Amino acid sequence: MGLGIAILGATGAVGREFLTILEQRGTEINELRLLASARSAGTWLPFRDEELAVKEIAADSFDGIDVALFSAGATSSRRWMPIARAAGARVVDNSSAFRMEPGVPLVIPEINANRIGDAPLIANPNCSTIIMNMAVWPLHRRHPIERIVVSTYQAASGAGYRAMQELHDQTRDVLDGQPAVPKILPHQAAFNLFSHDSKIDESGYNDEEIKMVHETRRIFDAPDLGISATCIRVPVLRAHSMSINLTFCEPLTEQQARAILESAPGVALADDRTSNRFPMPIDATGKDECLVGRIRRDISRPDGRGIELFVCGDQLRKGAALNAIQIAELLIRGKTKASVTT
């Protein structure tokens, strides 16, 4: 017997990825309800050899729904979450609305599925936070980390479906000798890169960087963990990349780090020095696993406490939709007492 599942934000990039992943994983569904704003209502989306209509979100949209997957932005989540909860649905929210709220679990299933319990609302972390920590957590769990310095190379997919289309269009325009006019992103995306398009606070860090800091500390239950991030938008369609420098509390060899990552759930090594082939967005696109490579000792640290990594992960999959669906599957199965890593 299947369950009732609702997707809020069904026409967006993550919403469409929800459909793809649910179909691929063969999730048992009694009713799948696709929801969006009035602007997007009436769209038809493919699912399991049929076309499903997207309906405008309304007060009764969650009646009879067991699990609601939200990916329509923080404002929409704050408005509709209480209504979904009042209807009896458990909500997995992909926005930033509830990530730092006490009592709301912030979950990456491979790390802290045990925190879900019977929570009515579970927050999905930021995409960059998820992708980074798929590689960092297995190391930290075995050998505590003192400091993380990360630089991200973030794809257009992080800004949504229209930003992806804008990169397509601008690339054609530039190659045709036409000006690349930014409409969704603040600067030309094609053949360019720029600081992440989020608000910068008085510290000089932008929202994306601050999210990576605070969310990682919360997920790791490590409030004093040193983290510094620099987030950059690059002309890649989908799959975020990251250069990560780790300082451990005690010495850790390259061989030890590689052995830990080889057995880490949700991680695949791409570390071929002979062929000079390492994680690339084109290889991570469409994959559930995050690719990890360039594993090496930080030669600036003679004490042996530094390790360097390069990571690529599909922002629309593990960075967003897949992580939320993994949480939903744990809700459905009731298997939330122990982390899926055990």
C-alpha atoms as a PDB file:
ATOM      1  CA  MET A   1       0.000   0.000   0.000  1.00  0.00           C
ATOM      2  CA  GLY A   2       1.547   3.274  -1.115  1.00  0.00           C
ATOM      3  CA  LEU A   3       1.586   6.613   0.605  1.00  0.00           C
ATOM      4  CA  GLY A   4       0.376  10.055  -0.289  1.00  0.00           C
ATOM      5  CA  ILE A   5       3.239  12.335  -1.272  1.00  0.00           C
ATOM      6  CA  ALA A   6       3.005  16.023  -2.151  1.00  0.00           C
ATOM      7  CA  ILE A   7       5.703  18.095  -3.846  1.00  0.00           C
ATOM      8  CA  LEU A   8       5.532  21.854  -3.314  1.00  0.00           C
ATOM      9  CA  GLY A   9       7.563  23.643  -5.987  1.00  0.00           C
ATOM     10  CA  ALA A  10       7.088  20.819  -8.477  1.00  0.00           C
ATOM     11  CA  THR A  11       7.966  22.844 -11.575  1.00  0.00           C
ATOM     12  CA  GLY A  12      11.352  24.041 -10.289  1.00  0.00           C
ATOM     13  CA  ALA A  13      14.673  22.339 -10.907  1.00  0.00           C
ATOM     14  CA  VAL A  14      14.595  20.473  -7.593  1.00  0.00           C
ATOM     15  CA  GLY A  15      10.884  19.691  -7.929  1.00  0.00           C
ATOM     16  CA  ARG A  16      11.473  18.050 -11.302  1.00  0.00           C
ATOM     17  CA  GLU A  17      14.401  16.129  -9.821  1.00  0.00           C
ATOM     18  CA  PHE A  18      12.086  14.839  -7.074  1.00  0.00           C
ATOM     19  CA  LEU A  19       9.984  13.222  -9.783  1.00  0.00           C
ATOM     20  CA  THR A  20      12.979  11.686 -11.523  1.00  0.00           C
ATOM     21  CA  ILE A  21      14.360  10.196  -8.308  1.00  0.00           C
ATOM     22  CA  LEU A  22      11.018   8.893  -7.047  1.00  0.00           C
ATOM     23  CA  GLU A  23      10.569   7.110 -10.354  1.00  0.00           C
ATOM     24  CA  GLN A  24      14.100   5.715 -10.387  1.00  0.00           C
ATOM     25  CA  ARG A  25      13.858   4.440  -6.815  1.00  0.00           C
ATOM     26  CA  GLY A  26      10.445   2.850  -7.342  1.00  0.00           C
ATOM     27  CA  THR A  27       8.948   4.539  -4.303  1.00  0.00           C
ATOM     28  CA  GLU A  28       5.510   3.093  -3.486  1.00  0.00           C
ATOM     29  CA  ILE A  29       3.053   5.933  -3.958  1.00  0.00           C
ATOM     30  CA  ASN A  30      -0.702   5.833  -3.620  1.00  0.00           C
ATOM     31  CA  GLU A  31      -1.129   9.466  -4.664  1.00  0.00           C
ATOM     32  CA  LEU A  32       1.407  11.974  -5.928  1.00  0.00           C
ATOM     33  CA  ARG A  33       0.220  15.556  -5.677  1.00  0.00           C
ATOM     34  CA  LEU A  34       2.181  18.226  -7.584  1.00  0.00           C
ATOM     35  CA  LEU A  35       1.814  21.752  -6.208  1.00  0.00           C
ATOM     36  CA  ALA A  36       3.069  25.179  -7.232  1.00  0.00           C
ATOM     37  CA  SER A  37       2.098  28.829  -7.355  1.00  0.00           C
ATOM     38  CA  ALA A  38      -0.713  30.122  -9.561  1.00  0.00           C
ATOM     39  CA  ARG A  39       1.884  31.114 -12.166  1.00  0.00           C
ATOM     40  CA  SER A  40       3.038  27.526 -12.622  1.00  0.00           C
ATOM     41  CA  ALA A  41      -0.280  25.744 -12.049  1.00  0.00           C
ATOM     42  CA  GLY A  42      -1.594  23.945 -15.108  1.00  0.00           C
ATOM     43  CA  THR A  43       1.826  22.653 -16.145  1.00  0.00           C
ATOM     44  CA  TRP A  44       1.995  18.944 -16.943  1.00  0.00           C
ATOM     45  CA  LEU A  45       5.004  16.900 -15.825  1.00  0.00           C
ATOM     46  CA  PRO A  46       5.934  13.325 -16.785  1.00  0.00           C
ATOM     47  CA  PHE A  47       5.985  10.588 -14.166  1.00  0.00           C
ATOM     48  CA  ARG A  48       5.929   6.816 -14.717  1.00  0.00           C
ATOM     49  CA  ASP A  49       4.667   6.867 -18.289  1.00  0.00           C
ATOM     50  CA  GLU A  50       1.941   9.415 -17.649  1.00  0.00           C
ATOM     51  CA  GLU A  51       1.510  13.161 -17.377  1.00  0.00           C
ATOM     52  CA  LEU A  52       0.546  14.701 -14.038  1.00  0.00           C
ATOM     53  CA  ALA A  53      -1.055  18.114 -13.700  1.00  0.00           C
ATOM     54  CA  VAL A  54       0.486  20.694 -11.396  1.00  0.00           C
ATOM     55  CA  LYS A  55      -2.152  22.244  -9.152  1.00  0.00           C
ATOM     56  CA  GLU A  56      -2.177  25.619  -7.456  1.00  0.00           C
ATOM     57  CA  ILE A  57      -1.314  25.369  -3.762  1.00  0.00           C
ATOM     58  CA  ALA A  58      -4.394  25.802  -1.552  1.00  0.00           C
ATOM     59  CA  ALA A  59      -5.572  25.316   2.020  1.00  0.00           C
ATOM     60  CA  ASP A  60      -6.689  21.733   1.354  1.00  0.00           C
ATOM     61  CA  SER A  61      -3.669  20.692  -0.726  1.00  0.00           C
ATOM     62  CA  PHE A  62      -2.215  18.460   1.993  1.00  0.00           C
ATOM     63  CA  ASP A  63      -5.391  16.648   3.038  1.00  0.00           C
ATOM     64  CA  GLY A  64      -4.660  12.910   2.995  1.00  0.00           C
ATOM     65  CA  ILE A  65      -0.926  13.445   2.405  1.00  0.00           C
ATOM     66  CA  ASP A  66       1.607  11.483   4.455  1.00  0.00           C
ATOM     67  CA  VAL A  67       4.866  13.194   3.428  1.00  0.00           C
ATOM     68  CA  ALA A  68       5.255  16.653   1.886  1.00  0.00           C
ATOM     69  CA  LEU A  69       8.467  17.572   0.071  1.00  0.00           C
ATOM     70  CA  PHE A  70       8.945  21.359   0.016  1.00  0.00           C
ATOM     71  CA  SER A  71      11.219  23.145  -2.452  1.00  0.00           C
ATOM     72  CA  ALA A  72       9.600  26.486  -3.171  1.00  0.00           C
ATOM     73  CA  GLY A  73      11.705  28.907  -1.118  1.00  0.00           C
ATOM     74  CA  ALA A  74      11.773  30.013   2.512  1.00  0.00           C
ATOM     75  CA  THR A  75       8.784  32.369   2.306  1.00  0.00           C
ATOM     76  CA  SER A  76       6.547  29.679   0.847  1.00  0.00           C
ATOM     77  CA  SER A  77       7.777  27.124   3.383  1.00  0.00           C
ATOM     78  CA  ARG A  78       6.979  29.366   6.318  1.00  0.00           C
ATOM     79  CA  ARG A  79       3.486  29.977   4.958  1.00  0.00           C
ATOM     80  CA  TRP A  80       2.510  26.419   4.065  1.00  0.00           C
ATOM     81  CA  MET A  81       4.347  24.274   6.597  1.00  0.00           C
ATOM     82  CA  PRO A  82       1.787  24.849   9.408  1.00  0.00           C
ATOM     83  CA  ILE A  83      -1.027  24.016   6.997  1.00  0.00           C
ATOM     84  CA  ALA A  84       0.661  20.796   5.903  1.00  0.00           C
ATOM     85  CA  ARG A  85       1.314  19.843   9.507  1.00  0.00           C
ATOM     86  CA  ALA A  86      -2.286  20.581  10.507  1.00  0.00           C
ATOM     87  CA  ALA A  87      -3.397  18.174   7.772  1.00  0.00           C
ATOM     88  CA  GLY A  88      -1.202  15.455   9.290  1.00  0.00           C
ATOM     89  CA  ALA A  89       1.670  15.468   6.791  1.00  0.00           C
ATOM     90  CA  ARG A  90       5.283  15.214   7.842  1.00  0.00           C
ATOM     91  CA  VAL A  91       7.320  17.851   6.032  1.00  0.00           C
ATOM     92  CA  VAL A  92      10.819  17.649   4.573  1.00  0.00           C
ATOM     93  CA  ASP A  93      11.794  21.224   3.736  1.00  0.00           C
ATOM     94  CA  ASN A  94      14.548  22.072   1.261  1.00  0.00           C
ATOM     95  CA  SER A  95      14.585  25.818   1.997  1.00  0.00           C
ATOM     96  CA  SER A  96      16.609  27.760   4.564  1.00  0.00           C
ATOM     97  CA  ALA A  97      13.485  28.625   6.585  1.00  0.00           C
ATOM     98  CA  PHE A  98      13.893  26.179   9.469  1.00  0.00           C
ATOM     99  CA  ARG A  99      17.486  24.923   9.286  1.00  0.00           C
ATOM    100  CA  MET A 100      18.717  26.713  12.380  1.00  0.00           C
ATOM    101  CA  GLU A 101      15.535  26.467  14.451  1.00  0.00           C
ATOM    102  CA  PRO A 102      15.960  24.578  17.729  1.00  0.00           C
ATOM    103  CA  GLY A 103      13.970  21.371  17.700  1.00  0.00           C
ATOM    104  CA  VAL A 104      13.975  21.024  13.911  1.00  0.00           C
ATOM    105  CA  PRO A 105      16.408  18.272  12.858  1.00  0.00           C
ATOM    106  CA  LEU A 106      18.887  19.328  10.155  1.00  0.00           C
ATOM    107  CA  VAL A 107      19.677  16.033   8.497  1.00  0.00           C
ATOM    108  CA  ILE A 108      22.088  14.377   6.112  1.00  0.00           C
ATOM    109  CA  PRO A 109      21.018  10.711   6.447  1.00  0.00           C
ATOM    110  CA  GLU A 110      24.559   9.355   6.118  1.00  0.00           C
ATOM    111  CA  ILE A 111      25.564  11.489   9.111  1.00  0.00           C
ATOM    112  CA  ASN A 112      22.714  12.020  11.560  1.00  0.00           C
ATOM    113  CA  ALA A 113      19.572  10.115  10.577  1.00  0.00           C
ATOM    114  CA  ASN A 114      19.146   9.274  14.272  1.00  0.00           C
ATOM    115  CA  ARG A 115      17.960  12.845  14.895  1.00  0.00           C
ATOM    116  CA  ILE A 116      14.784  12.438  12.833  1.00  0.00           C
ATOM    117  CA  GLY A 117      12.817  10.487  15.413  1.00  0.00           C
ATOM    118  CA  ASP A 118       9.159  11.469  15.323  1.00  0.00           C
ATOM    119  CA  ALA A 119       9.849  15.072  14.281  1.00  0.00           C
ATOM    120  CA  PRO A 120       6.976  16.494  12.199  1.00  0.00           C
ATOM    121  CA  LEU A 121       9.368  18.770  10.273  1.00  0.00           C
ATOM    122  CA  ILE A 122      12.864  17.921   9.030  1.00  0.00           C
ATOM    123  CA  ALA A 123      15.133  20.489   7.363  1.00  0.00           C
ATOM    124  CA  ASN A 124      17.298  19.665   4.354  1.00  0.00           C
ATOM    125  CA  PRO A 125      20.707  21.390   4.582  1.00  0.00           C
ATOM    126  CA  ASN A 126      22.116  23.759   1.999  1.00  0.00           C
ATOM    127  CA  CYS A 127      23.394  22.009  -1.124  1.00  0.00           C
ATOM    128  CA  SER A 128      27.016  23.057  -0.573  1.00  0.00           C
ATOM    129  CA  THR A 129      26.867  21.941   3.047  1.00  0.00           C
ATOM    130  CA  ILE A 130      25.653  18.485   2.015  1.00  0.00           C
ATOM    131  CA  ILE A 131      28.201  17.924  -0.747  1.00  0.00           C
ATOM    132  CA  MET A 132      31.149  19.090   1.356  1.00  0.00           C
ATOM    133  CA  ASN A 133      30.216  17.023   4.362  1.00  0.00           C
ATOM    134  CA  MET A 134      29.640  13.798   2.491  1.00  0.00           C
ATOM    135  CA  ALA A 135      33.450  13.756   2.245  1.00  0.00           C
ATOM    136  CA  VAL A 136      34.368  15.586   5.440  1.00  0.00           C
ATOM    137  CA  TRP A 137      32.161  13.754   7.962  1.00  0.00           C
ATOM    138  CA  PRO A 138      33.626  10.237   7.494  1.00  0.00           C
ATOM    139  CA  LEU A 139      37.059  11.683   8.216  1.00  0.00           C
ATOM    140  CA  HIS A 140      35.891  13.817  11.140  1.00  0.00           C
ATOM    141  CA  ARG A 141      34.024  10.861  12.664  1.00  0.00           C
ATOM    142  CA  ARG A 142      37.228   8.836  12.860  1.00  0.00           C
ATOM    143  CA  HIS A 143      39.763  11.651  13.300  1.00  0.00           C
ATOM    144  CA  PRO A 144      38.353  14.916  14.688  1.00  0.00           C
ATOM    145  CA  ILE A 145      38.894  17.995  12.557  1.00  0.00           C
ATOM    146  CA  GLU A 146      40.023  21.309  13.966  1.00  0.00           C
ATOM    147  CA  ARG A 147      39.530  23.525  10.903  1.00  0.00           C
ATOM    148  CA  ILE A 148      37.936  23.453   7.436  1.00  0.00           C
ATOM    149  CA  VAL A 149      38.823  25.897   4.646  1.00  0.00           C
ATOM    150  CA  VAL A 150      36.652  25.412   1.567  1.00  0.00           C
ATOM    151  CA  SER A 151      36.345  27.145  -1.804  1.00  0.00           C
ATOM    152  CA  THR A 152      33.293  26.234  -3.870  1.00  0.00           C
ATOM    153  CA  TYR A 153      32.708  26.294  -7.624  1.00  0.00           C
ATOM    154  CA  GLN A 154      28.921  26.300  -7.832  1.00  0.00           C
ATOM    155  CA  ALA A 155      26.869  25.427 -10.880  1.00  0.00           C
ATOM    156  CA  ALA A 156      23.929  27.363 -12.278  1.00  0.00           C
ATOM    157  CA  SER A 157      21.610  24.622 -10.981  1.00  0.00           C
ATOM    158  CA  GLY A 158      22.036  26.092  -7.497  1.00  0.00           C
ATOM    159  CA  ALA A 159      20.091  29.154  -8.618  1.00  0.00           C
ATOM    160  CA  GLY A 160      17.270  27.114 -10.122  1.00  0.00           C
ATOM    161  CA  TYR A 161      15.820  26.003 -13.431  1.00  0.00           C
ATOM    162  CA  ARG A 162      15.695  29.494 -14.975  1.00  0.00           C
ATOM    163  CA  ALA A 163      19.366  30.123 -14.149  1.00  0.00           C
ATOM    164  CA  MET A 164      20.275  26.883 -15.916  1.00  0.00           C
ATOM    165  CA  GLN A 165      18.325  28.037 -18.961  1.00  0.00           C
ATOM    166  CA  GLU A 166      20.024  31.432 -18.782  1.00  0.00           C
ATOM    167  CA  LEU A 167      23.445  29.786 -18.941  1.00  0.00           C
ATOM    168  CA  HIS A 168      22.307  27.851 -22.020  1.00  0.00           C
ATOM    169  CA  ASP A 169      21.003  31.003 -23.694  1.00  0.00           C
ATOM    170  CA  GLN A 170      23.984  33.201 -22.818  1.00  0.00           C
ATOM    171  CA  THR A 171      26.431  30.612 -24.125  1.00  0.00           C
ATOM    172  CA  ARG A 172      24.635  30.579 -27.478  1.00  0.00           C
ATOM    173  CA  ASP A 173      24.526  34.377 -27.528  1.00  0.00           C
ATOM    174  CA  VAL A 174      28.247  34.776 -26.853  1.00  0.00           C
ATOM    175  CA  LEU A 175      29.204  32.179 -29.466  1.00  0.00           C
ATOM    176  CA  ASP A 176      26.948  33.989 -31.952  1.00  0.00           C
ATOM    177  CA  GLY A 177      28.647  37.311 -31.193  1.00  0.00           C
ATOM    178  CA  GLN A 178      25.673  38.669 -29.254  1.00  0.00           C
ATOM    179  CA  PRO A 179      25.753  40.277 -25.783  1.00  0.00           C
ATOM    180  CA  ALA A 180      25.018  37.984 -22.834  1.00  0.00           C
ATOM    181  CA  VAL A 181      22.291  39.799 -20.907  1.00  0.00           C
ATOM    182  CA  PRO A 182      21.850  38.642 -17.270  1.00  0.00           C
ATOM    183  CA  LYS A 183      18.229  38.369 -16.153  1.00  0.00           C
ATOM    184  CA  ILE A 184      18.194  35.724 -13.424  1.00  0.00           C
ATOM    185  CA  LEU A 185      21.775  35.837 -12.174  1.00  0.00           C
ATOM    186  CA  PRO A 186      23.344  39.223 -11.348  1.00  0.00           C
ATOM    187  CA  HIS A 187      26.238  38.905 -13.808  1.00  0.00           C
ATOM    188  CA  GLN A 188      27.020  37.197 -17.086  1.00  0.00           C
ATOM    189  CA  ALA A 189      27.237  33.467 -16.372  1.00  0.00           C
ATOM    190  CA  ALA A 190      28.613  32.246 -19.689  1.00  0.00           C
ATOM    191  CA  PHE A 191      32.431  32.238 -19.868  1.00  0.00           C
ATOM    192  CA  ASN A 192      32.614  33.992 -16.506  1.00  0.00           C
ATOM    193  CA  LEU A 193      32.633  33.383 -12.775  1.00  0.00           C
ATOM    194  CA  PHE A 194      31.661  35.591  -9.873  1.00  0.00           C
ATOM    195  CA  SER A 195      31.143  35.644  -6.128  1.00  0.00           C
ATOM    196  CA  HIS A 196      28.034  33.743  -5.059  1.00  0.00           C
ATOM    197  CA  ASP A 197      24.890  35.748  -5.684  1.00  0.00           C
ATOM    198  CA  SER A 198      23.706  36.037  -2.074  1.00  0.00           C
ATOM    199  CA  LYS A 199      23.665  38.894   0.407  1.00  0.00           C
ATOM    200  CA  ILE A 200      26.981  39.888   2.026  1.00  0.00           C
ATOM    201  CA  ASP A 201      26.911  40.780   5.722  1.00  0.00           C
ATOM    202  CA  GLU A 202      29.109  43.140   7.726  1.00  0.00           C
ATOM    203  CA  SER A 203      31.783  40.436   8.094  1.00  0.00           C
ATOM    204  CA  GLY A 204      32.299  40.326   4.321  1.00  0.00           C
ATOM    205  CA  TYR A 205      30.936  36.768   4.053  1.00  0.00           C
ATOM    206  CA  ASN A 206      27.873  36.050   1.925  1.00  0.00           C
ATOM    207  CA  ASP A 207      24.821  34.041   2.986  1.00  0.00           C
ATOM    208  CA  GLU A 208      25.977  30.879   1.228  1.00  0.00           C
ATOM    209  CA  GLU A 209      29.282  30.925   3.081  1.00  0.00           C
ATOM    210  CA  ILE A 210      27.624  31.595   6.423  1.00  0.00           C
ATOM    211  CA  LYS A 211      25.190  28.718   5.830  1.00  0.00           C
ATOM    212  CA  MET A 212      28.077  26.315   5.279  1.00  0.00           C
ATOM    213  CA  VAL A 213      29.645  27.412   8.563  1.00  0.00           C
ATOM    214  CA  HIS A 214      26.598  27.305  10.837  1.00  0.00           C
ATOM    215  CA  GLU A 215      24.900  24.281   9.261  1.00  0.00           C
ATOM    216  CA  THR A 216      28.060  22.167   9.398  1.00  0.00           C
ATOM    217  CA  ARG A 217      28.585  23.000  13.060  1.00  0.00           C
ATOM    218  CA  ARG A 218      25.000  22.040  13.814  1.00  0.00           C
ATOM    219  CA  ILE A 219      25.063  18.786  11.831  1.00  0.00           C
ATOM    220  CA  PHE A 220      28.393  17.740  13.375  1.00  0.00           C
ATOM    221  CA  ASP A 221      27.284  18.924  16.836  1.00  0.00           C
ATOM    222  CA  ALA A 222      30.559  20.875  16.907  1.00  0.00           C
ATOM    223  CA  PRO A 223      29.761  24.523  17.742  1.00  0.00           C
ATOM    224  CA  ASP A 224      33.426  25.534  17.951  1.00  0.00           C
ATOM    225  CA  LEU A 225      34.597  23.895  14.700  1.00  0.00           C
ATOM    226  CA  GLY A 226      36.667  26.382  12.692  1.00  0.00           C
ATOM    227  CA  ILE A 227      35.256  26.848   9.175  1.00  0.00           C
ATOM    228  CA  SER A 228      35.958  29.423   6.469  1.00  0.00           C
ATOM    229  CA  ALA A 229      34.231  29.319   3.091  1.00  0.00           C
ATOM    230  CA  THR A 230      34.514  31.197  -0.200  1.00  0.00           C
ATOM    231  CA  CYS A 231      31.632  30.487  -2.587  1.00  0.00           C
ATOM    232  CA  ILE A 232      31.887  31.214  -6.314  1.00  0.00           C
ATOM    233  CA  ARG A 233      29.384  30.776  -9.156  1.00  0.00           C
ATOM    234  CA  VAL A 234      30.930  29.176 -12.251  1.00  0.00           C
ATOM    235  CA  PRO A 235      29.654  28.513 -15.819  1.00  0.00           C
ATOM    236  CA  VAL A 236      28.758  24.871 -15.158  1.00  0.00           C
ATOM    237  CA  LEU A 237      25.207  23.644 -15.724  1.00  0.00           C
ATOM    238  CA  ARG A 238      24.879  21.330 -12.729  1.00  0.00           C
ATOM    239  CA  ALA A 239      27.044  19.680 -10.038  1.00  0.00           C
ATOM    240  CA  HIS A 240      28.962  21.768  -7.523  1.00  0.00           C
ATOM    241  CA  SER A 241      32.715  21.371  -6.975  1.00  0.00           C
ATOM    242  CA  MET A 242      34.803  22.174  -3.902  1.00  0.00           C
ATOM    243  CA  SER A 243      38.429  22.470  -2.922  1.00  0.00           C
ATOM    244  CA  ILE A 244      38.712  21.512   0.762  1.00  0.00           C
ATOM    245  CA  ASN A 245      41.636  21.947   3.125  1.00  0.00           C
ATOM    246  CA  LEU A 246      41.325  20.098   6.444  1.00  0.00           C
ATOM    247  CA  THR A 247      43.343  20.515   9.621  1.00  0.00           C
ATOM    248  CA  PHE A 248      43.020  17.569  12.007  1.00  0.00           C
ATOM    249  CA  CYS A 249      43.575  17.554  15.748  1.00  0.00           C
ATOM    250  CA  GLU A 250      46.141  14.776  15.326  1.00  0.00           C
ATOM    251  CA  PRO A 251      48.336  13.691  12.380  1.00  0.00           C
ATOM    252  CA  LEU A 252      46.555  11.796   9.585  1.00  0.00           C
ATOM    253  CA  THR A 253      48.251  10.257   6.578  1.00  0.00           C
ATOM    254  CA  GLU A 254      47.032  10.430   3.016  1.00  0.00           C
ATOM    255  CA  GLN A 255      46.705   6.641   3.012  1.00  0.00           C
ATOM    256  CA  GLN A 256      44.521   6.678   6.122  1.00  0.00           C
ATOM    257  CA  ALA A 257      42.253   9.359   4.648  1.00  0.00           C
ATOM    258  CA  ARG A 258      41.868   7.448   1.387  1.00  0.00           C
ATOM    259  CA  ALA A 259      41.002   4.205   3.192  1.00  0.00           C
ATOM    260  CA  ILE A 260      38.265   5.954   5.192  1.00  0.00           C
ATOM    261  CA  LEU A 261      36.753   7.595   2.103  1.00  0.00           C
ATOM    262  CA  GLU A 262      36.833   4.358   0.104  1.00  0.00           C
ATOM    263  CA  SER A 263      34.332   2.813   2.516  1.00  0.00           C
ATOM    264  CA  ALA A 264      32.232   5.923   3.190  1.00  0.00           C
ATOM    265  CA  PRO A 265      28.535   5.696   2.204  1.00  0.00           C
ATOM    266  CA  GLY A 266      27.451   7.982  -0.626  1.00  0.00           C
ATOM    267  CA  VAL A 267      31.045   8.632  -1.706  1.00  0.00           C
ATOM    268  CA  ALA A 268      32.942   7.393  -4.768  1.00  0.00           C
ATOM    269  CA  LEU A 269      36.673   7.917  -5.243  1.00  0.00           C
ATOM    270  CA  ALA A 270      37.879   9.560  -8.449  1.00  0.00           C
ATOM    271  CA  ASP A 271      41.566   9.837  -7.730  1.00  0.00           C
ATOM    272  CA  ASP A 272      43.622   8.608 -10.701  1.00  0.00           C
ATOM    273  CA  ARG A 273      46.957  10.411 -10.597  1.00  0.00           C
ATOM    274  CA  THR A 274      48.420   8.400 -13.462  1.00  0.00           C
ATOM    275  CA  SER A 275      45.721   9.559 -15.892  1.00  0.00           C
ATOM    276  CA  ASN A 276      45.321  12.936 -14.166  1.00  0.00           C
ATOM    277  CA  ARG A 277      41.598  12.241 -13.782  1.00  0.00           C
ATOM    278  CA  PHE A 278      39.850  13.557 -10.716  1.00  0.00           C
ATOM    279  CA  PRO A 279      36.306  14.675  -9.778  1.00  0.00           C
ATOM    280  CA  MET A 280      34.606  16.712 -12.503  1.00  0.00           C
ATOM    281  CA  PRO A 281      31.075  18.139 -12.687  1.00  0.00           C
ATOM    282  CA  ILE A 282      30.338  16.263 -15.921  1.00  0.00           C
ATOM    283  CA  ASP A 283      31.125  12.986 -14.173  1.00  0.00           C
ATOM    284  CA  ALA A 284      29.135  13.846 -11.030  1.00  0.00           C
ATOM    285  CA  THR A 285      26.040  14.983 -12.961  1.00  0.00           C
ATOM    286  CA  GLY A 286      23.183  12.530 -12.559  1.00  0.00           C
ATOM    287  CA  LYS A 287      24.984  10.472  -9.926  1.00  0.00           C
ATOM    288  CA  ASP A 288      23.842   9.872  -6.374  1.00  0.00           C
ATOM    289  CA  GLU A 289      27.380   9.638  -5.038  1.00  0.00           C
ATOM    290  CA  CYS A 290      29.683  12.569  -4.374  1.00  0.00           C
ATOM    291  CA  LEU A 291      33.023  12.145  -6.127  1.00  0.00           C
ATOM    292  CA  VAL A 292      36.175  12.665  -4.058  1.00  0.00           C
ATOM    293  CA  GLY A 293      39.743  12.971  -5.301  1.00  0.00           C
ATOM    294  CA  ARG A 294      43.007  14.963  -5.186  1.00  0.00           C
ATOM    295  CA  ILE A 295      43.535  13.350  -1.783  1.00  0.00           C
ATOM    296  CA  ARG A 296      46.929  14.501  -0.600  1.00  0.00           C
ATOM    297  CA  ARG A 297      48.914  15.717   2.367  1.00  0.00           C
ATOM    298  CA  ASP A 298      48.968  19.481   2.906  1.00  0.00           C
ATOM    299  CA  ILE A 299      52.677  20.139   2.375  1.00  0.00           C
ATOM    300  CA  SER A 300      52.429  23.455   4.224  1.00  0.00           C
ATOM    301  CA  ARG A 301      51.925  21.518   7.471  1.00  0.00           C
ATOM    302  CA  PRO A 302      55.079  19.666   8.584  1.00  0.00           C
ATOM    303  CA  ASP A 303      53.150  18.323  11.588  1.00  0.00           C
ATOM    304  CA  GLY A 304      51.149  15.979   9.303  1.00  0.00           C
ATOM    305  CA  ARG A 305      47.760  17.345  10.386  1.00  0.00           C
ATOM    306  CA  GLY A 306      46.665  18.660   6.978  1.00  0.00           C
ATOM    307  CA  ILE A 307      44.787  16.876   4.163  1.00  0.00           C
ATOM    308  CA  GLU A 308      43.564  18.344   0.849  1.00  0.00           C
ATOM    309  CA  LEU A 309      40.507  17.104  -1.086  1.00  0.00           C
ATOM    310  CA  PHE A 310      38.529  17.974  -4.201  1.00  0.00           C
ATOM    311  CA  VAL A 311      34.837  17.043  -4.263  1.00  0.00           C
ATOM    312  CA  CYS A 312      32.079  17.146  -6.901  1.00  0.00           C
ATOM    313  CA  GLY A 313      28.414  16.423  -6.259  1.00  0.00           C
ATOM    314  CA  ASP A 314      25.198  16.857  -8.202  1.00  0.00           C
ATOM    315  CA  GLN A 315      23.483  19.801  -6.542  1.00  0.00           C
ATOM    316  CA  LEU A 316      20.039  18.740  -7.737  1.00  0.00           C
ATOM    317  CA  ARG A 317      20.433  15.172  -6.507  1.00  0.00           C
ATOM    318  CA  LYS A 318      22.432  14.619  -3.303  1.00  0.00           C
ATOM    319  CA  GLY A 319      22.649  18.368  -2.782  1.00  0.00           C
ATOM    320  CA  ALA A 320      18.865  18.701  -2.698  1.00  0.00           C
ATOM    321  CA  ALA A 321      16.238  16.237  -3.986  1.00  0.00           C
ATOM    322  CA  LEU A 322      17.960  12.941  -3.207  1.00  0.00           C
ATOM    323  CA  ASN A 323      18.827  13.971   0.348  1.00  0.00           C
ATOM    324  CA  ALA A 324      15.195  14.973   0.962  1.00  0.00           C
ATOM    325  CA  ILE A 325      13.874  11.714  -0.511  1.00  0.00           C
ATOM    326  CA  GLN A 326      16.302   9.686   1.609  1.00  0.00           C
ATOM    327  CA  ILE A 327      14.834  11.457   4.643  1.00  0.00           C
ATOM    328  CA  ALA A 328      11.303  10.774   3.383  1.00  0.00           C
ATOM    329  CA  GLU A 329      12.126   7.087   2.940  1.00  0.00           C
ATOM    330  CA  LEU A 330      13.310   6.925   6.549  1.00  0.00           C
ATOM    331  CA  LEU A 331      10.039   8.521   7.623  1.00  0.00           C
ATOM    332  CA  ILE A 332       8.076   6.028   5.560  1.00  0.00           C
ATOM    333  CA  ARG A 333       9.976   3.006   6.867  1.00  0.00           C
ATOM    334  CA  GLY A 334      10.224   4.280  10.416  1.00  0.00           C
ATOM    335  CA  LYS A 335      13.938   3.522  10.474  1.00  0.00           C
ATOM    336  CA  THR A 336      15.150   6.613  12.271  1.00  0.00           C
ATOM    337  CA  LYS A 337      16.676   5.145  15.438  1.00  0.00           C
ATOM    338  CA  ALA A 338      20.177   4.753  14.026  1.00  0.00           C
ATOM    339  CA  SER A 339      22.245   6.454  11.340  1.00  0.00           C
ATOM    340  CA  VAL A 340      22.188   4.753   7.947  1.00  0.00           C
ATOM    341  CA  THR A 341      25.979   4.624   8.158  1.00  0.00           C
ATOM    342  CA  THR A 342      25.725   1.809  10.713  1.00  0.00           C
END
